[in-house]
Amino acid sequence: MKITAIVPCYNEQEALPYFYDEATKVLSGMDVEYELLFVNDGSKDGTLSKLKELAGKDEHVKYISFSRNFGKEAAMYAGFCNAKGDYVAVMDADLQDPPSLLPEMVKILKTGEYDSVATRRETRKGEPPIRSFFARKFYKIINKISDADVVDGARDFRLMKREMVDAIVSMSEYNRFSKGIFGWIGFRTYWLPFENIERVAGTTKWNFWGLFKYALDGIINFSNAPLSIASLFGIMMTFVSFILMIFVFVRRLVFGDPVAGWASLVCIIVFIGGMQLFCLGIIGQYISKIYMETKNRPHYIAAETNVEDAKMLY
């Protein structure tokens, strides 16, 4: 049995030595074949140099280095496409995904009852309150409006059998949201809770705006609900305008009052105009996703690697 640990990296030169020491300690003590597959996502620091240094002294270390920053989703996909293991794990390099959980995860998979073991945080200790609030709301919303089964507090850190990895690779869409893909493809998943852990070194690459865009991508990629909301707004505004038209007509016939109030009319026009732009914005988001899919561009371009028969363009 062979385990591949996929580790996306973006400006992680400070954390890499800590991760390598911990992961090697755990995996070498498990009496299994293993490889650490690092994917350098166009880092601007010394991440690539550190990976070459580690690969030079340890044959278990493999790396793929992108020509530029393509994003974590592309890095994960590159790892899935090039992983050789029977079991494949996805982990962050900052040790917020503790390698010490791997033996337990393998033990659970060996029972044959599950196809993957996924981790989720029991608490959001150490996370800003406003970020935690919006994260919880996001998980509630996406589970209500889509077919993706996304568990609150779910991490990308999980260990999967080869069959599940092959299914993920077969979903070659350009606009990727892995948390949704993991849930959408099904398979039997065991959820392993653990306490939130702070980064061992370096700084997080996610800010509030980045997380907001990521959440928005997830909703658009796995749900048509925003389009339905836009249609509902259109129907509601048509109905309201029809009722108001009847009201004005009857008022003119019965009371003989002229139509008054240009200020209120302007407010109504601005409101309806705003609603139209909002709905057009929703439609535009879907059209932009379609546009990117039809370009059929590769998910990533690898500049260099030490992986045999690596898929450099995929």
C-alpha atoms as a PDB file:
ATOM      1  CA  MET A   1       0.000   0.000   0.000  1.00  0.00           C
ATOM      2  CA  LYS A   2       1.242   3.469  -0.892  1.00  0.00           C
ATOM      3  CA  ILE A   3       0.094   6.827   0.493  1.00  0.00           C
ATOM      4  CA  THR A   4       0.414  10.099  -1.407  1.00  0.00           C
ATOM      5  CA  ALA A   5       0.143  13.294   0.609  1.00  0.00           C
ATOM      6  CA  ILE A   6      -0.703  16.258  -1.656  1.00  0.00           C
ATOM      7  CA  VAL A   7       0.524  19.539  -0.168  1.00  0.00           C
ATOM      8  CA  PRO A   8      -0.414  22.784  -1.996  1.00  0.00           C
ATOM      9  CA  CYS A   9       2.121  25.520  -1.229  1.00  0.00           C
ATOM     10  CA  TYR A  10       2.019  29.268  -1.743  1.00  0.00           C
ATOM     11  CA  ASN A  11       4.746  31.270   0.007  1.00  0.00           C
ATOM     12  CA  GLU A  12       5.284  28.574   2.633  1.00  0.00           C
ATOM     13  CA  GLN A  13       9.091  28.595   2.939  1.00  0.00           C
ATOM     14  CA  GLU A  14       8.881  29.197   6.696  1.00  0.00           C
ATOM     15  CA  ALA A  15       6.416  26.383   7.371  1.00  0.00           C
ATOM     16  CA  LEU A  16       7.865  23.726   5.038  1.00  0.00           C
ATOM     17  CA  PRO A  17      10.697  22.496   7.323  1.00  0.00           C
ATOM     18  CA  TYR A  18       8.254  21.996  10.201  1.00  0.00           C
ATOM     19  CA  PHE A  19       5.726  20.209   7.996  1.00  0.00           C
ATOM     20  CA  TYR A  20       8.355  17.980   6.378  1.00  0.00           C
ATOM     21  CA  ASP A  21       9.807  16.905   9.742  1.00  0.00           C
ATOM     22  CA  GLU A  22       6.369  16.128  11.221  1.00  0.00           C
ATOM     23  CA  ALA A  23       4.955  14.389   8.133  1.00  0.00           C
ATOM     24  CA  THR A  24       8.097  12.301   7.612  1.00  0.00           C
ATOM     25  CA  LYS A  25       8.126  11.278  11.262  1.00  0.00           C
ATOM     26  CA  VAL A  26       4.508  10.095  11.097  1.00  0.00           C
ATOM     27  CA  LEU A  27       4.583   8.403   7.673  1.00  0.00           C
ATOM     28  CA  SER A  28       7.925   6.650   8.183  1.00  0.00           C
ATOM     29  CA  GLY A  29       6.555   5.152  11.386  1.00  0.00           C
ATOM     30  CA  MET A  30       3.483   3.699   9.679  1.00  0.00           C
ATOM     31  CA  ASP A  31       5.307   0.928   7.807  1.00  0.00           C
ATOM     32  CA  VAL A  32       3.879   1.957   4.409  1.00  0.00           C
ATOM     33  CA  GLU A  33       5.250   3.303   1.165  1.00  0.00           C
ATOM     34  CA  TYR A  34       4.645   7.008   0.831  1.00  0.00           C
ATOM     35  CA  GLU A  35       5.362  10.131  -1.166  1.00  0.00           C
ATOM     36  CA  LEU A  36       5.039  13.786  -0.248  1.00  0.00           C
ATOM     37  CA  LEU A  37       3.773  15.540  -3.365  1.00  0.00           C
ATOM     38  CA  PHE A  38       4.272  19.291  -2.946  1.00  0.00           C
ATOM     39  CA  VAL A  39       2.603  21.605  -5.474  1.00  0.00           C
ATOM     40  CA  ASN A  40       4.269  25.018  -5.604  1.00  0.00           C
ATOM     41  CA  ASP A  41       1.530  27.406  -6.679  1.00  0.00           C
ATOM     42  CA  GLY A  42       3.710  30.164  -8.116  1.00  0.00           C
ATOM     43  CA  SER A  43       5.249  31.174  -4.787  1.00  0.00           C
ATOM     44  CA  LYS A  44       7.171  34.443  -4.701  1.00  0.00           C
ATOM     45  CA  ASP A  45       9.445  33.492  -1.792  1.00  0.00           C
ATOM     46  CA  GLY A  46      11.961  30.661  -1.445  1.00  0.00           C
ATOM     47  CA  THR A  47       9.378  27.839  -1.417  1.00  0.00           C
ATOM     48  CA  LEU A  48      10.668  26.237  -4.635  1.00  0.00           C
ATOM     49  CA  SER A  49      14.290  26.336  -3.476  1.00  0.00           C
ATOM     50  CA  LYS A  50      13.273  24.680  -0.206  1.00  0.00           C
ATOM     51  CA  LEU A  51      11.368  21.967  -2.064  1.00  0.00           C
ATOM     52  CA  LYS A  52      14.402  21.244  -4.268  1.00  0.00           C
ATOM     53  CA  GLU A  53      16.562  21.053  -1.173  1.00  0.00           C
ATOM     54  CA  LEU A  54      14.195  18.554   0.469  1.00  0.00           C
ATOM     55  CA  ALA A  55      13.885  16.519  -2.739  1.00  0.00           C
ATOM     56  CA  GLY A  56      17.678  16.360  -3.024  1.00  0.00           C
ATOM     57  CA  LYS A  57      18.027  14.598   0.323  1.00  0.00           C
ATOM     58  CA  ASP A  58      14.812  12.550   0.407  1.00  0.00           C
ATOM     59  CA  GLU A  59      13.482  10.471  -2.501  1.00  0.00           C
ATOM     60  CA  HIS A  60      10.019  10.506  -0.935  1.00  0.00           C
ATOM     61  CA  VAL A  61       9.702  14.218  -1.714  1.00  0.00           C
ATOM     62  CA  LYS A  62       8.165  15.040  -5.099  1.00  0.00           C
ATOM     63  CA  TYR A  63       7.272  18.491  -6.330  1.00  0.00           C
ATOM     64  CA  ILE A  64       5.432  20.217  -9.150  1.00  0.00           C
ATOM     65  CA  SER A  65       6.072  23.918  -9.636  1.00  0.00           C
ATOM     66  CA  PHE A  66       3.557  26.068 -11.526  1.00  0.00           C
ATOM     67  CA  SER A  67       4.565  28.731 -14.034  1.00  0.00           C
ATOM     68  CA  ARG A  68       2.487  31.232 -12.021  1.00  0.00           C
ATOM     69  CA  ASN A  69      -0.096  31.342  -9.274  1.00  0.00           C
ATOM     70  CA  PHE A  70      -3.165  29.374 -10.425  1.00  0.00           C
ATOM     71  CA  GLY A  71      -4.844  29.054  -7.017  1.00  0.00           C
ATOM     72  CA  LYS A  72      -5.251  26.317  -4.432  1.00  0.00           C
ATOM     73  CA  GLU A  73      -7.992  24.530  -6.376  1.00  0.00           C
ATOM     74  CA  ALA A  74      -5.654  24.116  -9.373  1.00  0.00           C
ATOM     75  CA  ALA A  75      -2.848  22.965  -7.058  1.00  0.00           C
ATOM     76  CA  MET A  76      -5.078  20.302  -5.522  1.00  0.00           C
ATOM     77  CA  TYR A  77      -6.205  19.151  -8.969  1.00  0.00           C
ATOM     78  CA  ALA A  78      -2.586  18.881 -10.140  1.00  0.00           C
ATOM     79  CA  GLY A  79      -1.890  16.734  -7.095  1.00  0.00           C
ATOM     80  CA  PHE A  80      -4.830  14.438  -7.801  1.00  0.00           C
ATOM     81  CA  CYS A  81      -3.749  14.060 -11.449  1.00  0.00           C
ATOM     82  CA  ASN A  82      -0.187  13.080 -10.492  1.00  0.00           C
ATOM     83  CA  ALA A  83      -0.686  11.123  -7.263  1.00  0.00           C
ATOM     84  CA  LYS A  84       0.571   7.526  -7.434  1.00  0.00           C
ATOM     85  CA  GLY A  85      -0.716   6.268  -4.092  1.00  0.00           C
ATOM     86  CA  ASP A  86      -3.479   3.767  -3.330  1.00  0.00           C
ATOM     87  CA  TYR A  87      -4.568   6.208  -0.626  1.00  0.00           C
ATOM     88  CA  VAL A  88      -4.358   9.950  -1.311  1.00  0.00           C
ATOM     89  CA  ALA A  89      -4.411  12.713   1.293  1.00  0.00           C
ATOM     90  CA  VAL A  90      -4.741  16.490   0.881  1.00  0.00           C
ATOM     91  CA  MET A  91      -2.980  18.585   3.526  1.00  0.00           C
ATOM     92  CA  ASP A  92      -1.950  22.170   4.159  1.00  0.00           C
ATOM     93  CA  ALA A  93       1.735  22.945   4.707  1.00  0.00           C
ATOM     94  CA  ASP A  94       1.105  25.114   7.785  1.00  0.00           C
ATOM     95  CA  LEU A  95       0.374  22.095  10.054  1.00  0.00           C
ATOM     96  CA  GLN A  96      -3.203  23.200  10.647  1.00  0.00           C
ATOM     97  CA  ASP A  97      -3.909  19.757   9.189  1.00  0.00           C
ATOM     98  CA  PRO A  98      -1.969  17.591  11.675  1.00  0.00           C
ATOM     99  CA  PRO A  99      -0.143  14.604  10.074  1.00  0.00           C
ATOM    100  CA  SER A 100      -0.554  12.809  13.408  1.00  0.00           C
ATOM    101  CA  LEU A 101      -4.155  12.004  12.368  1.00  0.00           C
ATOM    102  CA  LEU A 102      -3.020   9.939   9.348  1.00  0.00           C
ATOM    103  CA  PRO A 103      -2.552   6.584  11.208  1.00  0.00           C
ATOM    104  CA  GLU A 104      -6.099   6.778  12.574  1.00  0.00           C
ATOM    105  CA  MET A 105      -7.442   7.756   9.142  1.00  0.00           C
ATOM    106  CA  VAL A 106      -5.729   4.779   7.490  1.00  0.00           C
ATOM    107  CA  LYS A 107      -7.069   2.472  10.186  1.00  0.00           C
ATOM    108  CA  ILE A 108     -10.623   3.646   9.498  1.00  0.00           C
ATOM    109  CA  LEU A 109     -10.267   3.142   5.724  1.00  0.00           C
ATOM    110  CA  LYS A 110      -8.851  -0.365   6.195  1.00  0.00           C
ATOM    111  CA  THR A 111     -12.096  -1.443   7.846  1.00  0.00           C
ATOM    112  CA  GLY A 112     -13.703  -1.275   4.392  1.00  0.00           C
ATOM    113  CA  GLU A 113     -16.719   0.650   5.659  1.00  0.00           C
ATOM    114  CA  TYR A 114     -15.644   3.985   4.194  1.00  0.00           C
ATOM    115  CA  ASP A 115     -14.058   5.369   1.027  1.00  0.00           C
ATOM    116  CA  SER A 116     -12.672   8.519   2.617  1.00  0.00           C
ATOM    117  CA  VAL A 117     -11.925  10.008   6.004  1.00  0.00           C
ATOM    118  CA  ALA A 118     -12.497  13.756   6.132  1.00  0.00           C
ATOM    119  CA  THR A 119     -11.664  16.122   8.953  1.00  0.00           C
ATOM    120  CA  ARG A 120     -13.714  18.922  10.425  1.00  0.00           C
ATOM    121  CA  ARG A 121     -12.958  21.417  13.144  1.00  0.00           C
ATOM    122  CA  GLU A 122     -14.981  20.993  16.323  1.00  0.00           C
ATOM    123  CA  THR A 123     -14.521  24.650  17.218  1.00  0.00           C
ATOM    124  CA  ARG A 124     -13.338  27.826  15.496  1.00  0.00           C
ATOM    125  CA  LYS A 125     -11.167  28.879  18.408  1.00  0.00           C
ATOM    126  CA  GLY A 126      -8.705  31.581  17.396  1.00  0.00           C
ATOM    127  CA  GLU A 127     -10.726  32.660  14.359  1.00  0.00           C
ATOM    128  CA  PRO A 128     -12.206  36.215  14.168  1.00  0.00           C
ATOM    129  CA  PRO A 129     -15.882  36.136  15.301  1.00  0.00           C
ATOM    130  CA  ILE A 130     -17.210  37.846  12.161  1.00  0.00           C
ATOM    131  CA  ARG A 131     -15.389  35.327   9.951  1.00  0.00           C
ATOM    132  CA  SER A 132     -16.828  32.422  11.959  1.00  0.00           C
ATOM    133  CA  PHE A 133     -20.332  33.891  11.697  1.00  0.00           C
ATOM    134  CA  PHE A 134     -20.239  34.216   7.921  1.00  0.00           C
ATOM    135  CA  ALA A 135     -18.607  30.790   7.522  1.00  0.00           C
ATOM    136  CA  ARG A 136     -21.430  29.089   9.425  1.00  0.00           C
ATOM    137  CA  LYS A 137     -24.038  30.974   7.391  1.00  0.00           C
ATOM    138  CA  PHE A 138     -22.320  29.916   4.170  1.00  0.00           C
ATOM    139  CA  TYR A 139     -22.434  26.218   5.076  1.00  0.00           C
ATOM    140  CA  LYS A 140     -26.131  26.476   5.977  1.00  0.00           C
ATOM    141  CA  ILE A 141     -26.990  28.258   2.731  1.00  0.00           C
ATOM    142  CA  ILE A 142     -25.049  26.008   0.342  1.00  0.00           C
ATOM    143  CA  ASN A 143     -26.464  22.840   1.910  1.00  0.00           C
ATOM    144  CA  LYS A 144     -30.019  24.159   1.522  1.00  0.00           C
ATOM    145  CA  ILE A 145     -29.748  25.306  -2.099  1.00  0.00           C
ATOM    146  CA  SER A 146     -27.435  22.691  -3.648  1.00  0.00           C
ATOM    147  CA  ASP A 147     -26.788  18.958  -3.961  1.00  0.00           C
ATOM    148  CA  ALA A 148     -23.314  19.354  -2.450  1.00  0.00           C
ATOM    149  CA  ASP A 149     -23.013  17.912   1.047  1.00  0.00           C
ATOM    150  CA  VAL A 150     -20.640  20.370   2.747  1.00  0.00           C
ATOM    151  CA  VAL A 151     -20.219  19.842   6.494  1.00  0.00           C
ATOM    152  CA  ASP A 152     -19.782  22.886   8.732  1.00  0.00           C
ATOM    153  CA  GLY A 153     -16.136  23.199   9.734  1.00  0.00           C
ATOM    154  CA  ALA A 154     -14.976  20.824   6.997  1.00  0.00           C
ATOM    155  CA  ARG A 155     -11.317  21.052   6.042  1.00  0.00           C
ATOM    156  CA  ASP A 156      -9.759  20.062   2.730  1.00  0.00           C
ATOM    157  CA  PHE A 157      -7.677  17.617   4.781  1.00  0.00           C
ATOM    158  CA  ARG A 158      -8.913  14.133   3.991  1.00  0.00           C
ATOM    159  CA  LEU A 159      -7.629  10.680   3.063  1.00  0.00           C
ATOM    160  CA  MET A 160      -9.270   8.962   0.079  1.00  0.00           C
ATOM    161  CA  LYS A 161      -9.148   5.650  -1.708  1.00  0.00           C
ATOM    162  CA  ARG A 162      -7.952   5.576  -5.312  1.00  0.00           C
ATOM    163  CA  GLU A 163     -11.499   5.089  -6.666  1.00  0.00           C
ATOM    164  CA  MET A 164     -12.629   8.376  -5.145  1.00  0.00           C
ATOM    165  CA  VAL A 165      -9.558  10.221  -6.446  1.00  0.00           C
ATOM    166  CA  ASP A 166     -10.214   8.917  -9.968  1.00  0.00           C
ATOM    167  CA  ALA A 167     -13.783  10.228  -9.733  1.00  0.00           C
ATOM    168  CA  ILE A 168     -12.496  13.668  -8.702  1.00  0.00           C
ATOM    169  CA  VAL A 169     -10.021  13.769 -11.605  1.00  0.00           C
ATOM    170  CA  SER A 170     -12.809  12.845 -14.034  1.00  0.00           C
ATOM    171  CA  MET A 171     -14.654  16.046 -13.015  1.00  0.00           C
ATOM    172  CA  SER A 172     -12.450  18.278 -15.124  1.00  0.00           C
ATOM    173  CA  GLU A 173     -14.459  21.505 -14.905  1.00  0.00           C
ATOM    174  CA  TYR A 174     -12.359  24.676 -14.915  1.00  0.00           C
ATOM    175  CA  ASN A 175     -14.325  26.427 -12.161  1.00  0.00           C
ATOM    176  CA  ARG A 176     -13.596  24.128  -9.247  1.00  0.00           C
ATOM    177  CA  PHE A 177     -14.914  24.068  -5.681  1.00  0.00           C
ATOM    178  CA  SER A 178     -13.396  20.962  -4.116  1.00  0.00           C
ATOM    179  CA  LYS A 179     -15.468  20.965  -0.934  1.00  0.00           C
ATOM    180  CA  GLY A 180     -18.571  20.747  -3.136  1.00  0.00           C
ATOM    181  CA  ILE A 181     -17.010  18.157  -5.457  1.00  0.00           C
ATOM    182  CA  PHE A 182     -16.106  15.912  -2.507  1.00  0.00           C
ATOM    183  CA  GLY A 183     -19.737  15.940  -1.404  1.00  0.00           C
ATOM    184  CA  TRP A 184     -21.300  15.760  -4.870  1.00  0.00           C
ATOM    185  CA  ILE A 185     -19.495  12.600  -6.036  1.00  0.00           C
ATOM    186  CA  GLY A 186     -20.809  10.716  -3.037  1.00  0.00           C
ATOM    187  CA  PHE A 187     -18.816   7.787  -1.595  1.00  0.00           C
ATOM    188  CA  ARG A 188     -18.921   6.798   2.038  1.00  0.00           C
ATOM    189  CA  THR A 189     -17.200   9.394   4.211  1.00  0.00           C
ATOM    190  CA  TYR A 190     -16.238   9.231   7.863  1.00  0.00           C
ATOM    191  CA  TRP A 191     -15.995  12.647   9.557  1.00  0.00           C
ATOM    192  CA  LEU A 192     -13.124  12.908  12.012  1.00  0.00           C
ATOM    193  CA  PRO A 193     -13.370  15.906  14.389  1.00  0.00           C
ATOM    194  CA  PHE A 194     -10.307  17.681  15.785  1.00  0.00           C
ATOM    195  CA  GLU A 195      -9.473  20.885  17.614  1.00  0.00           C
ATOM    196  CA  ASN A 196      -8.543  23.964  15.595  1.00  0.00           C
ATOM    197  CA  ILE A 197      -4.770  24.448  15.383  1.00  0.00           C
ATOM    198  CA  GLU A 198      -2.881  27.675  14.732  1.00  0.00           C
ATOM    199  CA  ARG A 199      -0.377  27.998  11.882  1.00  0.00           C
ATOM    200  CA  VAL A 200       3.090  26.804  12.790  1.00  0.00           C
ATOM    201  CA  ALA A 201       4.759  29.630  10.812  1.00  0.00           C
ATOM    202  CA  GLY A 202       4.063  32.262   8.174  1.00  0.00           C
ATOM    203  CA  THR A 203       0.787  34.099   7.608  1.00  0.00           C
ATOM    204  CA  THR A 204      -2.544  33.043   6.161  1.00  0.00           C
ATOM    205  CA  LYS A 205      -3.143  33.755   2.462  1.00  0.00           C
ATOM    206  CA  TRP A 206      -6.904  34.104   2.958  1.00  0.00           C
ATOM    207  CA  ASN A 207      -8.556  37.423   3.751  1.00  0.00           C
ATOM    208  CA  PHE A 208     -12.257  38.174   4.145  1.00  0.00           C
ATOM    209  CA  TRP A 209     -12.720  39.251   0.530  1.00  0.00           C
ATOM    210  CA  GLY A 210     -10.915  36.152  -0.761  1.00  0.00           C
ATOM    211  CA  LEU A 211     -13.125  33.892   1.356  1.00  0.00           C
ATOM    212  CA  PHE A 212     -16.230  35.767   0.188  1.00  0.00           C
ATOM    213  CA  LYS A 213     -15.320  35.201  -3.481  1.00  0.00           C
ATOM    214  CA  TYR A 214     -14.553  31.555  -2.723  1.00  0.00           C
ATOM    215  CA  ALA A 215     -17.971  31.124  -1.091  1.00  0.00           C
ATOM    216  CA  LEU A 216     -19.663  32.871  -4.013  1.00  0.00           C
ATOM    217  CA  ASP A 217     -17.901  30.541  -6.467  1.00  0.00           C
ATOM    218  CA  GLY A 218     -19.078  27.548  -4.462  1.00  0.00           C
ATOM    219  CA  ILE A 219     -22.718  28.676  -4.545  1.00  0.00           C
ATOM    220  CA  ILE A 220     -22.655  29.463  -8.277  1.00  0.00           C
ATOM    221  CA  ASN A 221     -20.827  26.226  -9.171  1.00  0.00           C
ATOM    222  CA  PHE A 222     -23.254  23.973  -7.322  1.00  0.00           C
ATOM    223  CA  SER A 223     -26.621  25.723  -7.359  1.00  0.00           C
ATOM    224  CA  ASN A 224     -29.092  27.404  -9.699  1.00  0.00           C
ATOM    225  CA  ALA A 225     -30.827  29.066  -6.741  1.00  0.00           C
ATOM    226  CA  PRO A 226     -29.459  32.585  -7.478  1.00  0.00           C
ATOM    227  CA  LEU A 227     -31.009  32.402 -10.962  1.00  0.00           C
ATOM    228  CA  SER A 228     -34.306  31.301  -9.421  1.00  0.00           C
ATOM    229  CA  ILE A 229     -34.126  34.240  -6.993  1.00  0.00           C
ATOM    230  CA  ALA A 230     -33.567  36.638  -9.903  1.00  0.00           C
ATOM    231  CA  SER A 231     -36.609  35.184 -11.692  1.00  0.00           C
ATOM    232  CA  LEU A 232     -38.671  35.453  -8.509  1.00  0.00           C
ATOM    233  CA  PHE A 233     -37.738  39.113  -8.133  1.00  0.00           C
ATOM    234  CA  GLY A 234     -38.891  39.720 -11.716  1.00  0.00           C
ATOM    235  CA  ILE A 235     -42.242  38.041 -11.104  1.00  0.00           C
ATOM    236  CA  MET A 236     -42.756  39.921  -7.830  1.00  0.00           C
ATOM    237  CA  MET A 237     -41.975  43.314  -9.347  1.00  0.00           C
ATOM    238  CA  THR A 238     -44.288  42.651 -12.298  1.00  0.00           C
ATOM    239  CA  PHE A 239     -47.110  41.719  -9.916  1.00  0.00           C
ATOM    240  CA  VAL A 240     -46.528  44.771  -7.708  1.00  0.00           C
ATOM    241  CA  SER A 241     -46.411  47.143 -10.697  1.00  0.00           C
ATOM    242  CA  PHE A 242     -49.684  45.640 -12.009  1.00  0.00           C
ATOM    243  CA  ILE A 243     -51.410  46.199  -8.648  1.00  0.00           C
ATOM    244  CA  LEU A 244     -50.116  49.784  -8.482  1.00  0.00           C
ATOM    245  CA  MET A 245     -51.341  50.445 -12.014  1.00  0.00           C
ATOM    246  CA  ILE A 246     -54.862  49.337 -11.054  1.00  0.00           C
ATOM    247  CA  PHE A 247     -54.702  51.452  -7.890  1.00  0.00           C
ATOM    248  CA  VAL A 248     -53.732  54.615  -9.802  1.00  0.00           C
ATOM    249  CA  PHE A 249     -56.409  53.986 -12.450  1.00  0.00           C
ATOM    250  CA  VAL A 250     -59.185  53.452  -9.884  1.00  0.00           C
ATOM    251  CA  ARG A 251     -58.053  56.443  -7.843  1.00  0.00           C
ATOM    252  CA  ARG A 252     -58.249  58.674 -10.931  1.00  0.00           C
ATOM    253  CA  LEU A 253     -61.771  57.444 -11.832  1.00  0.00           C
ATOM    254  CA  VAL A 254     -63.253  57.561  -8.326  1.00  0.00           C
ATOM    255  CA  PHE A 255     -61.603  60.589  -6.772  1.00  0.00           C
ATOM    256  CA  GLY A 256     -60.494  62.468  -9.856  1.00  0.00           C
ATOM    257  CA  ASP A 257     -57.078  63.030  -8.275  1.00  0.00           C
ATOM    258  CA  PRO A 258     -54.260  63.644 -10.677  1.00  0.00           C
ATOM    259  CA  VAL A 259     -51.251  61.374 -10.427  1.00  0.00           C
ATOM    260  CA  ALA A 260     -48.970  63.193  -7.994  1.00  0.00           C
ATOM    261  CA  GLY A 261     -45.601  62.686  -6.391  1.00  0.00           C
ATOM    262  CA  TRP A 262     -42.652  62.817  -8.776  1.00  0.00           C
ATOM    263  CA  ALA A 263     -40.290  62.135  -5.849  1.00  0.00           C
ATOM    264  CA  SER A 264     -41.958  58.802  -5.055  1.00  0.00           C
ATOM    265  CA  LEU A 265     -41.914  57.957  -8.761  1.00  0.00           C
ATOM    266  CA  VAL A 266     -38.170  58.559  -8.928  1.00  0.00           C
ATOM    267  CA  CYS A 267     -37.657  56.339  -5.867  1.00  0.00           C
ATOM    268  CA  ILE A 268     -39.643  53.532  -7.483  1.00  0.00           C
ATOM    269  CA  ILE A 269     -37.706  53.849 -10.744  1.00  0.00           C
ATOM    270  CA  VAL A 270     -34.371  53.774  -8.888  1.00  0.00           C
ATOM    271  CA  PHE A 271     -35.496  50.764  -6.828  1.00  0.00           C
ATOM    272  CA  ILE A 272     -36.644  48.790  -9.865  1.00  0.00           C
ATOM    273  CA  GLY A 273     -33.485  49.779 -11.748  1.00  0.00           C
ATOM    274  CA  GLY A 274     -31.381  48.542  -8.844  1.00  0.00           C
ATOM    275  CA  MET A 275     -33.245  45.229  -8.793  1.00  0.00           C
ATOM    276  CA  GLN A 276     -32.698  44.825 -12.533  1.00  0.00           C
ATOM    277  CA  LEU A 277     -28.971  45.455 -12.201  1.00  0.00           C
ATOM    278  CA  PHE A 278     -28.807  43.014  -9.282  1.00  0.00           C
ATOM    279  CA  CYS A 279     -30.496  40.291 -11.319  1.00  0.00           C
ATOM    280  CA  LEU A 280     -28.310  41.045 -14.341  1.00  0.00           C
ATOM    281  CA  GLY A 281     -25.281  40.718 -12.066  1.00  0.00           C
ATOM    282  CA  ILE A 282     -26.406  37.232 -11.008  1.00  0.00           C
ATOM    283  CA  ILE A 283     -26.936  36.192 -14.620  1.00  0.00           C
ATOM    284  CA  GLY A 284     -23.560  37.720 -15.508  1.00  0.00           C
ATOM    285  CA  GLN A 285     -21.807  35.541 -12.927  1.00  0.00           C
ATOM    286  CA  TYR A 286     -23.187  32.400 -14.537  1.00  0.00           C
ATOM    287  CA  ILE A 287     -22.352  33.641 -18.037  1.00  0.00           C
ATOM    288  CA  SER A 288     -18.760  34.373 -16.969  1.00  0.00           C
ATOM    289  CA  LYS A 289     -18.427  30.802 -15.663  1.00  0.00           C
ATOM    290  CA  ILE A 290     -19.758  29.432 -18.952  1.00  0.00           C
ATOM    291  CA  TYR A 291     -17.333  31.699 -20.832  1.00  0.00           C
ATOM    292  CA  MET A 292     -14.341  30.377 -18.898  1.00  0.00           C
ATOM    293  CA  GLU A 293     -15.444  26.759 -19.382  1.00  0.00           C
ATOM    294  CA  THR A 294     -15.814  27.167 -23.164  1.00  0.00           C
ATOM    295  CA  LYS A 295     -12.249  28.511 -23.449  1.00  0.00           C
ATOM    296  CA  ASN A 296     -11.079  25.034 -22.427  1.00  0.00           C
ATOM    297  CA  ARG A 297      -7.890  26.395 -20.874  1.00  0.00           C
ATOM    298  CA  PRO A 298      -5.698  24.103 -18.742  1.00  0.00           C
ATOM    299  CA  HIS A 299      -6.220  24.194 -14.993  1.00  0.00           C
ATOM    300  CA  TYR A 300      -2.503  24.688 -14.472  1.00  0.00           C
ATOM    301  CA  ILE A 301       0.821  24.898 -16.305  1.00  0.00           C
ATOM    302  CA  ALA A 302       3.806  23.279 -14.604  1.00  0.00           C
ATOM    303  CA  ALA A 303       7.202  24.890 -15.180  1.00  0.00           C
ATOM    304  CA  GLU A 304       9.279  22.112 -13.591  1.00  0.00           C
ATOM    305  CA  THR A 305       8.907  18.915 -11.585  1.00  0.00           C
ATOM    306  CA  ASN A 306      10.753  15.812 -10.387  1.00  0.00           C
ATOM    307  CA  VAL A 307       7.687  13.572 -10.811  1.00  0.00           C
ATOM    308  CA  GLU A 308       8.119  10.850 -13.416  1.00  0.00           C
ATOM    309  CA  ASP A 309       5.602  11.027 -16.278  1.00  0.00           C
ATOM    310  CA  ALA A 310       4.098  14.155 -14.729  1.00  0.00           C
ATOM    311  CA  LYS A 311       1.157  15.867 -16.390  1.00  0.00           C
ATOM    312  CA  MET A 312       2.717  19.279 -16.966  1.00  0.00           C
ATOM    313  CA  LEU A 313      -0.327  20.788 -18.679  1.00  0.00           C
ATOM    314  CA  TYR A 314      -3.804  19.736 -17.592  1.00  0.00           C
END
